């Protein structure tokens, strides 16, 4: 594809960043925080209905591990590690 070589890499990075920014579910960061906090702190800092919304700590750990493995290796390895880790939880 000769046309791809004409597009500057910085332009592609900008498009990729924009896609990631708009497709990421930012509410999931709050759910991860709620999963890490003990119940007493959740009730103290968040409203009652919001403090009950959380994911399991094991699921939060799998998400965190997959994210870190993706940053340091590639996505295929991260998915494999996440599947193996989730099987043991």
PDB file of N, CA and C in Angstrom:
ATOM      1  N   UNK A   1       0.829  -1.180   0.000  1.00  0.00           N
ATOM      2  CA  UNK A   1       0.000   0.000   0.000  1.00  0.00           C
ATOM      3  C   UNK A   1       0.871   1.240   0.000  1.00  0.00           C
ATOM      4  N   UNK A   2       1.024   1.826  -1.135  1.00  0.00           N
ATOM      5  CA  UNK A   2       1.882   3.008  -1.272  1.00  0.00           C
ATOM      6  C   UNK A   2       1.277   4.235  -0.591  1.00  0.00           C
ATOM      7  N   UNK A   3      -0.043   4.324  -0.553  1.00  0.00           N
ATOM      8  CA  UNK A   3      -0.707   5.492   0.029  1.00  0.00           C
ATOM      9  C   UNK A   3      -0.493   5.622   1.521  1.00  0.00           C
ATOM     10  N   UNK A   4      -0.326   4.502   2.199  1.00  0.00           N
ATOM     11  CA  UNK A   4      -0.115   4.529   3.646  1.00  0.00           C
ATOM     12  C   UNK A   4       1.196   5.221   3.989  1.00  0.00           C
ATOM     13  N   UNK A   5       2.205   5.043   3.163  1.00  0.00           N
ATOM     14  CA  UNK A   5       3.509   5.652   3.434  1.00  0.00           C
ATOM     15  C   UNK A   5       3.466   7.171   3.357  1.00  0.00           C
ATOM     16  N   UNK A   6       2.461   7.753   2.716  1.00  0.00           N
ATOM     17  CA  UNK A   6       2.343   9.211   2.599  1.00  0.00           C
ATOM     18  C   UNK A   6       1.759   9.854   3.852  1.00  0.00           C
ATOM     19  N   UNK A   7       1.095   9.073   4.688  1.00  0.00           N
ATOM     20  CA  UNK A   7       0.457   9.620   5.892  1.00  0.00           C
ATOM     21  C   UNK A   7       1.501   9.699   7.007  1.00  0.00           C
ATOM     22  N   UNK A   8       1.670  10.877   7.631  1.00  0.00           N
ATOM     23  CA  UNK A   8       2.641  10.982   8.720  1.00  0.00           C
ATOM     24  C   UNK A   8       2.214  10.151   9.932  1.00  0.00           C
ATOM     25  N   UNK A   9       3.176   9.565  10.595  1.00  0.00           N
ATOM     26  CA  UNK A   9       2.895   8.724  11.760  1.00  0.00           C
ATOM     27  C   UNK A   9       2.230   9.542  12.858  1.00  0.00           C
ATOM     28  N   UNK A  10       2.622  10.802  13.009  1.00  0.00           N
ATOM     29  CA  UNK A  10       2.016  11.643  14.050  1.00  0.00           C
ATOM     30  C   UNK A  10       0.516  11.816  13.807  1.00  0.00           C
ATOM     31  N   UNK A  11       0.105  11.871  12.565  1.00  0.00           N
ATOM     32  CA  UNK A  11      -1.325  11.954  12.256  1.00  0.00           C
ATOM     33  C   UNK A  11      -2.058  10.686  12.634  1.00  0.00           C
ATOM     34  N   UNK A  12      -1.440   9.544  12.373  1.00  0.00           N
ATOM     35  CA  UNK A  12      -2.053   8.270  12.749  1.00  0.00           C
ATOM     36  C   UNK A  12      -2.145   8.119  14.264  1.00  0.00           C
ATOM     37  N   UNK A  13      -1.120   8.599  14.966  1.00  0.00           N
ATOM     38  CA  UNK A  13      -1.141   8.547  16.432  1.00  0.00           C
ATOM     39  C   UNK A  13      -2.271   9.409  16.966  1.00  0.00           C
ATOM     40  N   UNK A  14      -2.471  10.581  16.373  1.00  0.00           N
ATOM     41  CA  UNK A  14      -3.569  11.451  16.796  1.00  0.00           C
ATOM     42  C   UNK A  14      -4.926  10.806  16.594  1.00  0.00           C
ATOM     43  N   UNK A  15      -5.112  10.156  15.467  1.00  0.00           N
ATOM     44  CA  UNK A  15      -6.380   9.468  15.203  1.00  0.00           C
ATOM     45  C   UNK A  15      -6.561   8.315  16.182  1.00  0.00           C
ATOM     46  N   UNK A  16      -5.510   7.552  16.426  1.00  0.00           N
ATOM     47  CA  UNK A  16      -5.598   6.420  17.347  1.00  0.00           C
ATOM     48  C   UNK A  16      -5.905   6.889  18.769  1.00  0.00           C
ATOM     49  N   UNK A  17      -5.264   7.969  19.199  1.00  0.00           N
ATOM     50  CA  UNK A  17      -5.526   8.505  20.538  1.00  0.00           C
ATOM     51  C   UNK A  17      -6.975   8.963  20.655  1.00  0.00           C
ATOM     52  N   UNK A  18      -7.482   9.611  19.631  1.00  0.00           N
ATOM     53  CA  UNK A  18      -8.861  10.085  19.653  1.00  0.00           C
ATOM     54  C   UNK A  18      -9.842   8.915  19.723  1.00  0.00           C
ATOM     55  N   UNK A  19      -9.587   7.868  18.980  1.00  0.00           N
ATOM     56  CA  UNK A  19     -10.461   6.686  19.012  1.00  0.00           C
ATOM     57  C   UNK A  19     -10.445   6.053  20.403  1.00  0.00           C
ATOM     58  N   UNK A  20      -9.262   5.910  20.982  1.00  0.00           N
ATOM     59  CA  UNK A  20      -9.157   5.320  22.322  1.00  0.00           C
ATOM     60  C   UNK A  20      -9.862   6.195  23.349  1.00  0.00           C
ATOM     61  N   UNK A  21      -9.672   7.491  23.262  1.00  0.00           N
ATOM     62  CA  UNK A  21     -10.272   8.418  24.223  1.00  0.00           C
ATOM     63  C   UNK A  21     -11.793   8.344  24.193  1.00  0.00           C
ATOM     64  N   UNK A  22     -12.365   8.227  23.012  1.00  0.00           N
ATOM     65  CA  UNK A  22     -13.819   8.229  22.902  1.00  0.00           C
ATOM     66  C   UNK A  22     -14.445   6.850  23.065  1.00  0.00           C
ATOM     67  N   UNK A  23     -13.687   5.787  22.992  1.00  0.00           N
ATOM     68  CA  UNK A  23     -14.272   4.456  23.166  1.00  0.00           C
ATOM     69  C   UNK A  23     -14.015   3.873  24.551  1.00  0.00           C
ATOM     70  N   UNK A  24     -13.111   4.473  25.318  1.00  0.00           N
ATOM     71  CA  UNK A  24     -12.819   3.972  26.661  1.00  0.00           C
ATOM     72  C   UNK A  24     -13.980   4.293  27.584  1.00  0.00           C
ATOM     73  N   UNK A  25     -14.353   3.353  28.422  1.00  0.00           N
ATOM     74  CA  UNK A  25     -15.416   3.585  29.392  1.00  0.00           C
ATOM     75  C   UNK A  25     -14.788   4.125  30.669  1.00  0.00           C
ATOM     76  N   UNK A  26     -14.861   5.436  30.836  1.00  0.00           N
ATOM     77  CA  UNK A  26     -14.198   6.097  31.956  1.00  0.00           C
ATOM     78  C   UNK A  26     -14.834   5.723  33.283  1.00  0.00           C
ATOM     79  N   UNK A  27     -16.099   5.294  33.279  1.00  0.00           N
ATOM     80  CA  UNK A  27     -16.752   4.865  34.524  1.00  0.00           C
ATOM     81  C   UNK A  27     -16.083   3.629  35.109  1.00  0.00           C
ATOM     82  N   UNK A  28     -15.405   2.863  34.271  1.00  0.00           N
ATOM     83  CA  UNK A  28     -14.766   1.645  34.768  1.00  0.00           C
ATOM     84  C   UNK A  28     -13.634   1.961  35.746  1.00  0.00           C
ATOM     85  N   UNK A  29     -13.005   3.124  35.628  1.00  0.00           N
ATOM     86  CA  UNK A  29     -11.959   3.497  36.589  1.00  0.00           C
ATOM     87  C   UNK A  29     -12.540   3.656  37.986  1.00  0.00           C
ATOM     88  N   UNK A  30     -13.745   4.238  38.065  1.00  0.00           N
ATOM     89  CA  UNK A  30     -14.395   4.379  39.369  1.00  0.00           C
ATOM     90  C   UNK A  30     -14.767   3.012  39.933  1.00  0.00           C
ATOM     91  N   UNK A  31     -15.234   2.116  39.070  1.00  0.00           N
ATOM     92  CA  UNK A  31     -15.567   0.765  39.535  1.00  0.00           C
ATOM     93  C   UNK A  31     -14.330   0.041  40.052  1.00  0.00           C
ATOM     94  N   UNK A  32     -13.196   0.255  39.391  1.00  0.00           N
ATOM     95  CA  UNK A  32     -11.948  -0.366  39.852  1.00  0.00           C
ATOM     96  C   UNK A  32     -11.558   0.196  41.226  1.00  0.00           C
ATOM     97  N   UNK A  33     -11.727   1.507  41.410  1.00  0.00           N
ATOM     98  CA  UNK A  33     -11.427   2.124  42.702  1.00  0.00           C
ATOM     99  C   UNK A  33     -12.353   1.585  43.775  1.00  0.00           C
ATOM    100  N   UNK A  34     -13.630   1.479  43.466  1.00  0.00           N
ATOM    101  CA  UNK A  34     -14.577   0.945  44.447  1.00  0.00           C
ATOM    102  C   UNK A  34     -14.259  -0.504  44.807  1.00  0.00           C
ATOM    103  N   UNK A  35     -13.774  -1.268  43.853  1.00  0.00           N
ATOM    104  CA  UNK A  35     -13.423  -2.663  44.135  1.00  0.00           C
ATOM    105  C   UNK A  35     -12.221  -2.747  45.063  1.00  0.00           C
ATOM    106  N   UNK A  36     -11.334  -1.764  44.987  1.00  0.00           N
ATOM    107  CA  UNK A  36     -10.126  -1.801  45.812  1.00  0.00           C
ATOM    108  C   UNK A  36     -10.373  -1.312  47.237  1.00  0.00           C
ATOM    109  N   UNK A  37     -11.385  -0.470  47.424  1.00  0.00           N
ATOM    110  CA  UNK A  37     -11.636   0.103  48.747  1.00  0.00           C
ATOM    111  C   UNK A  37     -12.433  -0.847  49.630  1.00  0.00           C
ATOM    112  N   UNK A  38     -12.170  -0.837  50.931  1.00  0.00           N
ATOM    113  CA  UNK A  38     -13.027  -1.609  51.840  1.00  0.00           C
ATOM    114  C   UNK A  38     -14.402  -0.945  51.964  1.00  0.00           C
ATOM    115  N   UNK A  39     -15.374  -1.697  52.415  1.00  0.00           N
ATOM    116  CA  UNK A  39     -16.757  -1.218  52.487  1.00  0.00           C
ATOM    117  C   UNK A  39     -16.888   0.033  53.336  1.00  0.00           C
ATOM    118  N   UNK A  40     -16.180   0.110  54.449  1.00  0.00           N
ATOM    119  CA  UNK A  40     -16.299   1.282  55.324  1.00  0.00           C
ATOM    120  C   UNK A  40     -15.863   2.563  54.616  1.00  0.00           C
ATOM    121  N   UNK A  41     -14.800   2.497  53.820  1.00  0.00           N
ATOM    122  CA  UNK A  41     -14.348   3.689  53.097  1.00  0.00           C
ATOM    123  C   UNK A  41     -15.296   4.019  51.952  1.00  0.00           C
ATOM    124  N   UNK A  42     -15.850   3.009  51.291  1.00  0.00           N
ATOM    125  CA  UNK A  42     -16.816   3.270  50.219  1.00  0.00           C
ATOM    126  C   UNK A  42     -18.032   3.992  50.757  1.00  0.00           C
ATOM    127  N   UNK A  43     -18.537   3.548  51.914  1.00  0.00           N
ATOM    128  CA  UNK A  43     -19.710   4.180  52.506  1.00  0.00           C
ATOM    129  C   UNK A  43     -19.396   5.590  52.994  1.00  0.00           C
ATOM    130  N   UNK A  44     -18.172   5.827  53.418  1.00  0.00           N
ATOM    131  CA  UNK A  44     -17.787   7.144  53.937  1.00  0.00           C
ATOM    132  C   UNK A  44     -17.642   8.178  52.821  1.00  0.00           C
ATOM    133  N   UNK A  45     -17.035   7.795  51.687  1.00  0.00           N
ATOM    134  CA  UNK A  45     -16.706   8.751  50.636  1.00  0.00           C
ATOM    135  C   UNK A  45     -17.704   8.796  49.485  1.00  0.00           C
ATOM    136  N   UNK A  46     -18.527   7.772  49.334  1.00  0.00           N
ATOM    137  CA  UNK A  46     -19.464   7.721  48.219  1.00  0.00           C
ATOM    138  C   UNK A  46     -20.875   7.566  48.743  1.00  0.00           C
ATOM    139  N   UNK A  47     -21.862   7.959  47.947  1.00  0.00           N
ATOM    140  CA  UNK A  47     -23.253   7.796  48.358  1.00  0.00           C
ATOM    141  C   UNK A  47     -23.583   6.305  48.465  1.00  0.00           C
ATOM    142  N   UNK A  48     -24.660   6.017  49.145  1.00  0.00           N
ATOM    143  CA  UNK A  48     -24.998   4.619  49.421  1.00  0.00           C
ATOM    144  C   UNK A  48     -25.241   3.826  48.141  1.00  0.00           C
ATOM    145  N   UNK A  49     -25.971   4.406  47.191  1.00  0.00           N
ATOM    146  CA  UNK A  49     -26.261   3.658  45.959  1.00  0.00           C
ATOM    147  C   UNK A  49     -24.995   3.458  45.129  1.00  0.00           C
ATOM    148  N   UNK A  50     -24.112   4.446  45.115  1.00  0.00           N
ATOM    149  CA  UNK A  50     -22.887   4.320  44.325  1.00  0.00           C
ATOM    150  C   UNK A  50     -21.854   3.427  45.008  1.00  0.00           C
ATOM    151  N   UNK A  51     -21.877   3.383  46.330  1.00  0.00           N
ATOM    152  CA  UNK A  51     -20.895   2.542  47.014  1.00  0.00           C
ATOM    153  C   UNK A  51     -21.207   1.061  46.849  1.00  0.00           C
ATOM    154  N   UNK A  52     -22.435   0.742  46.494  1.00  0.00           N
ATOM    155  CA  UNK A  52     -22.816  -0.658  46.277  1.00  0.00           C
ATOM    156  C   UNK A  52     -22.465  -1.129  44.867  1.00  0.00           C
ATOM    157  N   UNK A  53     -22.241  -0.183  43.941  1.00  0.00           N
ATOM    158  CA  UNK A  53     -21.878  -0.551  42.576  1.00  0.00           C
ATOM    159  C   UNK A  53     -20.396  -0.879  42.546  1.00  0.00           C
ATOM    160  N   UNK A  54     -20.087  -2.116  42.316  1.00  0.00           N
ATOM    161  CA  UNK A  54     -18.684  -2.488  42.209  1.00  0.00           C
ATOM    162  C   UNK A  54     -18.565  -3.801  41.474  1.00  0.00           C
ATOM    163  N   UNK A  55     -17.350  -4.085  41.077  1.00  0.00           N
ATOM    164  CA  UNK A  55     -17.075  -5.366  40.460  1.00  0.00           C
ATOM    165  C   UNK A  55     -16.295  -6.202  41.467  1.00  0.00           C
ATOM    166  N   UNK A  56     -16.226  -7.483  41.221  1.00  0.00           N
ATOM    167  CA  UNK A  56     -15.473  -8.340  42.139  1.00  0.00           C
ATOM    168  C   UNK A  56     -13.995  -7.959  42.103  1.00  0.00           C
ATOM    169  N   UNK A  57     -13.337  -8.099  43.208  1.00  0.00           N
ATOM    170  CA  UNK A  57     -11.905  -7.767  43.274  1.00  0.00           C
ATOM    171  C   UNK A  57     -11.086  -8.663  42.357  1.00  0.00           C
ATOM    172  N   UNK A  58     -11.503  -9.899  42.195  1.00  0.00           N
ATOM    173  CA  UNK A  58     -10.789 -10.807  41.299  1.00  0.00           C
ATOM    174  C   UNK A  58     -10.874 -10.318  39.855  1.00  0.00           C
ATOM    175  N   UNK A  59     -12.049  -9.815  39.462  1.00  0.00           N
ATOM    176  CA  UNK A  59     -12.207  -9.279  38.109  1.00  0.00           C
ATOM    177  C   UNK A  59     -11.365  -8.019  37.913  1.00  0.00           C
ATOM    178  N   UNK A  60     -11.321  -7.186  38.943  1.00  0.00           N
ATOM    179  CA  UNK A  60     -10.497  -5.973  38.864  1.00  0.00           C
ATOM    180  C   UNK A  60      -9.021  -6.337  38.735  1.00  0.00           C
ATOM    181  N   UNK A  61      -8.606  -7.388  39.424  1.00  0.00           N
ATOM    182  CA  UNK A  61      -7.219  -7.831  39.335  1.00  0.00           C
ATOM    183  C   UNK A  61      -6.902  -8.342  37.927  1.00  0.00           C
ATOM    184  N   UNK A  62      -7.820  -9.085  37.341  1.00  0.00           N
ATOM    185  CA  UNK A  62      -7.615  -9.584  35.977  1.00  0.00           C
ATOM    186  C   UNK A  62      -7.502  -8.418  34.993  1.00  0.00           C
ATOM    187  N   UNK A  63      -8.369  -7.430  35.134  1.00  0.00           N
ATOM    188  CA  UNK A  63      -8.316  -6.256  34.258  1.00  0.00           C
ATOM    189  C   UNK A  63      -6.986  -5.535  34.402  1.00  0.00           C
ATOM    190  N   UNK A  64      -6.538  -5.354  35.625  1.00  0.00           N
ATOM    191  CA  UNK A  64      -5.269  -4.667  35.873  1.00  0.00           C
ATOM    192  C   UNK A  64      -4.085  -5.441  35.304  1.00  0.00           C
ATOM    193  N   UNK A  65      -4.069  -6.755  35.514  1.00  0.00           N
ATOM    194  CA  UNK A  65      -2.972  -7.583  34.998  1.00  0.00           C
ATOM    195  C   UNK A  65      -2.951  -7.572  33.471  1.00  0.00           C
ATOM    196  N   UNK A  66      -4.115  -7.692  32.835  1.00  0.00           N
ATOM    197  CA  UNK A  66      -4.171  -7.672  31.370  1.00  0.00           C
ATOM    198  C   UNK A  66      -3.690  -6.327  30.835  1.00  0.00           C
ATOM    199  N   UNK A  67      -4.069  -5.243  31.488  1.00  0.00           N
ATOM    200  CA  UNK A  67      -3.619  -3.914  31.060  1.00  0.00           C
ATOM    201  C   UNK A  67      -2.108  -3.788  31.169  1.00  0.00           C
ATOM    202  N   UNK A  68      -1.548  -4.233  32.280  1.00  0.00           N
ATOM    203  CA  UNK A  68      -0.092  -4.127  32.463  1.00  0.00           C
ATOM    204  C   UNK A  68       0.674  -5.027  31.491  1.00  0.00           C
ATOM    205  N   UNK A  69       0.189  -6.242  31.278  1.00  0.00           N
ATOM    206  CA  UNK A  69       0.863  -7.143  30.343  1.00  0.00           C
ATOM    207  C   UNK A  69       0.780  -6.579  28.922  1.00  0.00           C
ATOM    208  N   UNK A  70      -0.346  -5.948  28.576  1.00  0.00           N
ATOM    209  CA  UNK A  70      -0.485  -5.332  27.254  1.00  0.00           C
ATOM    210  C   UNK A  70       0.532  -4.215  27.072  1.00  0.00           C
ATOM    211  N   UNK A  71       0.756  -3.432  28.114  1.00  0.00           N
ATOM    212  CA  UNK A  71       1.720  -2.327  28.017  1.00  0.00           C
ATOM    213  C   UNK A  71       3.141  -2.818  27.797  1.00  0.00           C
ATOM    214  N   UNK A  72       3.490  -3.949  28.406  1.00  0.00           N
ATOM    215  CA  UNK A  72       4.872  -4.410  28.348  1.00  0.00           C
ATOM    216  C   UNK A  72       5.132  -5.466  27.273  1.00  0.00           C
ATOM    217  N   UNK A  73       4.074  -6.131  26.801  1.00  0.00           N
ATOM    218  CA  UNK A  73       4.263  -7.127  25.734  1.00  0.00           C
ATOM    219  C   UNK A  73       3.281  -6.802  24.606  1.00  0.00           C
ATOM    220  N   UNK A  74       2.508  -7.777  24.178  1.00  0.00           N
ATOM    221  CA  UNK A  74       1.514  -7.520  23.133  1.00  0.00           C
ATOM    222  C   UNK A  74       0.138  -7.997  23.603  1.00  0.00           C
ATOM    223  N   UNK A  75      -0.871  -7.666  22.835  1.00  0.00           N
ATOM    224  CA  UNK A  75      -2.248  -7.951  23.228  1.00  0.00           C
ATOM    225  C   UNK A  75      -2.541  -9.443  23.288  1.00  0.00           C
ATOM    226  N   UNK A  76      -1.985 -10.223  22.376  1.00  0.00           N
ATOM    227  CA  UNK A  76      -2.245 -11.669  22.371  1.00  0.00           C
ATOM    228  C   UNK A  76      -1.725 -12.319  23.655  1.00  0.00           C
ATOM    229  N   UNK A  77      -0.548 -11.930  24.071  1.00  0.00           N
ATOM    230  CA  UNK A  77       0.009 -12.457  25.322  1.00  0.00           C
ATOM    231  C   UNK A  77      -0.845 -12.029  26.509  1.00  0.00           C
ATOM    232  N   UNK A  78      -1.283 -10.777  26.502  1.00  0.00           N
ATOM    233  CA  UNK A  78      -2.097 -10.270  27.606  1.00  0.00           C
ATOM    234  C   UNK A  78      -3.429 -11.006  27.707  1.00  0.00           C
ATOM    235  N   UNK A  79      -4.043 -11.298  26.576  1.00  0.00           N
ATOM    236  CA  UNK A  79      -5.314 -12.032  26.589  1.00  0.00           C
ATOM    237  C   UNK A  79      -5.097 -13.449  27.116  1.00  0.00           C
ATOM    238  N   UNK A  80      -4.024 -14.080  26.700  1.00  0.00           N
ATOM    239  CA  UNK A  80      -3.727 -15.429  27.194  1.00  0.00           C
ATOM    240  C   UNK A  80      -3.492 -15.422  28.701  1.00  0.00           C
ATOM    241  N   UNK A  81      -2.717 -14.463  29.188  1.00  0.00           N
ATOM    242  CA  UNK A  81      -2.462 -14.366  30.632  1.00  0.00           C
ATOM    243  C   UNK A  81      -3.766 -14.096  31.370  1.00  0.00           C
ATOM    244  N   UNK A  82      -4.603 -13.212  30.835  1.00  0.00           N
ATOM    245  CA  UNK A  82      -5.882 -12.906  31.474  1.00  0.00           C
ATOM    246  C   UNK A  82      -6.816 -14.106  31.535  1.00  0.00           C
ATOM    247  N   UNK A  83      -6.826 -14.890  30.458  1.00  0.00           N
ATOM    248  CA  UNK A  83      -7.680 -16.092  30.461  1.00  0.00           C
ATOM    249  C   UNK A  83      -7.201 -17.117  31.472  1.00  0.00           C
ATOM    250  N   UNK A  84      -5.902 -17.322  31.543  1.00  0.00           N
ATOM    251  CA  UNK A  84      -5.359 -18.284  32.498  1.00  0.00           C
ATOM    252  C   UNK A  84      -5.621 -17.804  33.929  1.00  0.00           C
ATOM    253  N   UNK A  85      -5.388 -16.517  34.177  1.00  0.00           N
ATOM    254  CA  UNK A  85      -5.622 -15.969  35.516  1.00  0.00           C
ATOM    255  C   UNK A  85      -7.089 -16.053  35.905  1.00  0.00           C
ATOM    256  N   UNK A  86      -7.992 -15.751  34.966  1.00  0.00           N
ATOM    257  CA  UNK A  86      -9.415 -15.821  35.259  1.00  0.00           C
ATOM    258  C   UNK A  86      -9.884 -17.248  35.516  1.00  0.00           C
ATOM    259  N   UNK A  87      -9.247 -18.223  34.886  1.00  0.00           N
ATOM    260  CA  UNK A  87      -9.616 -19.625  35.116  1.00  0.00           C
ATOM    261  C   UNK A  87      -9.312 -20.066  36.548  1.00  0.00           C
ATOM    262  N   UNK A  88      -8.287 -19.498  37.148  1.00  0.00           N
ATOM    263  CA  UNK A  88      -7.888 -19.895  38.492  1.00  0.00           C
ATOM    264  C   UNK A  88      -8.579 -19.082  39.574  1.00  0.00           C
ATOM    265  N   UNK A  89      -9.408 -18.137  39.209  1.00  0.00           N
ATOM    266  CA  UNK A  89     -10.071 -17.294  40.225  1.00  0.00           C
ATOM    267  C   UNK A  89     -11.479 -17.750  40.462  1.00  0.00           C
TER     268      UNK A  89
END
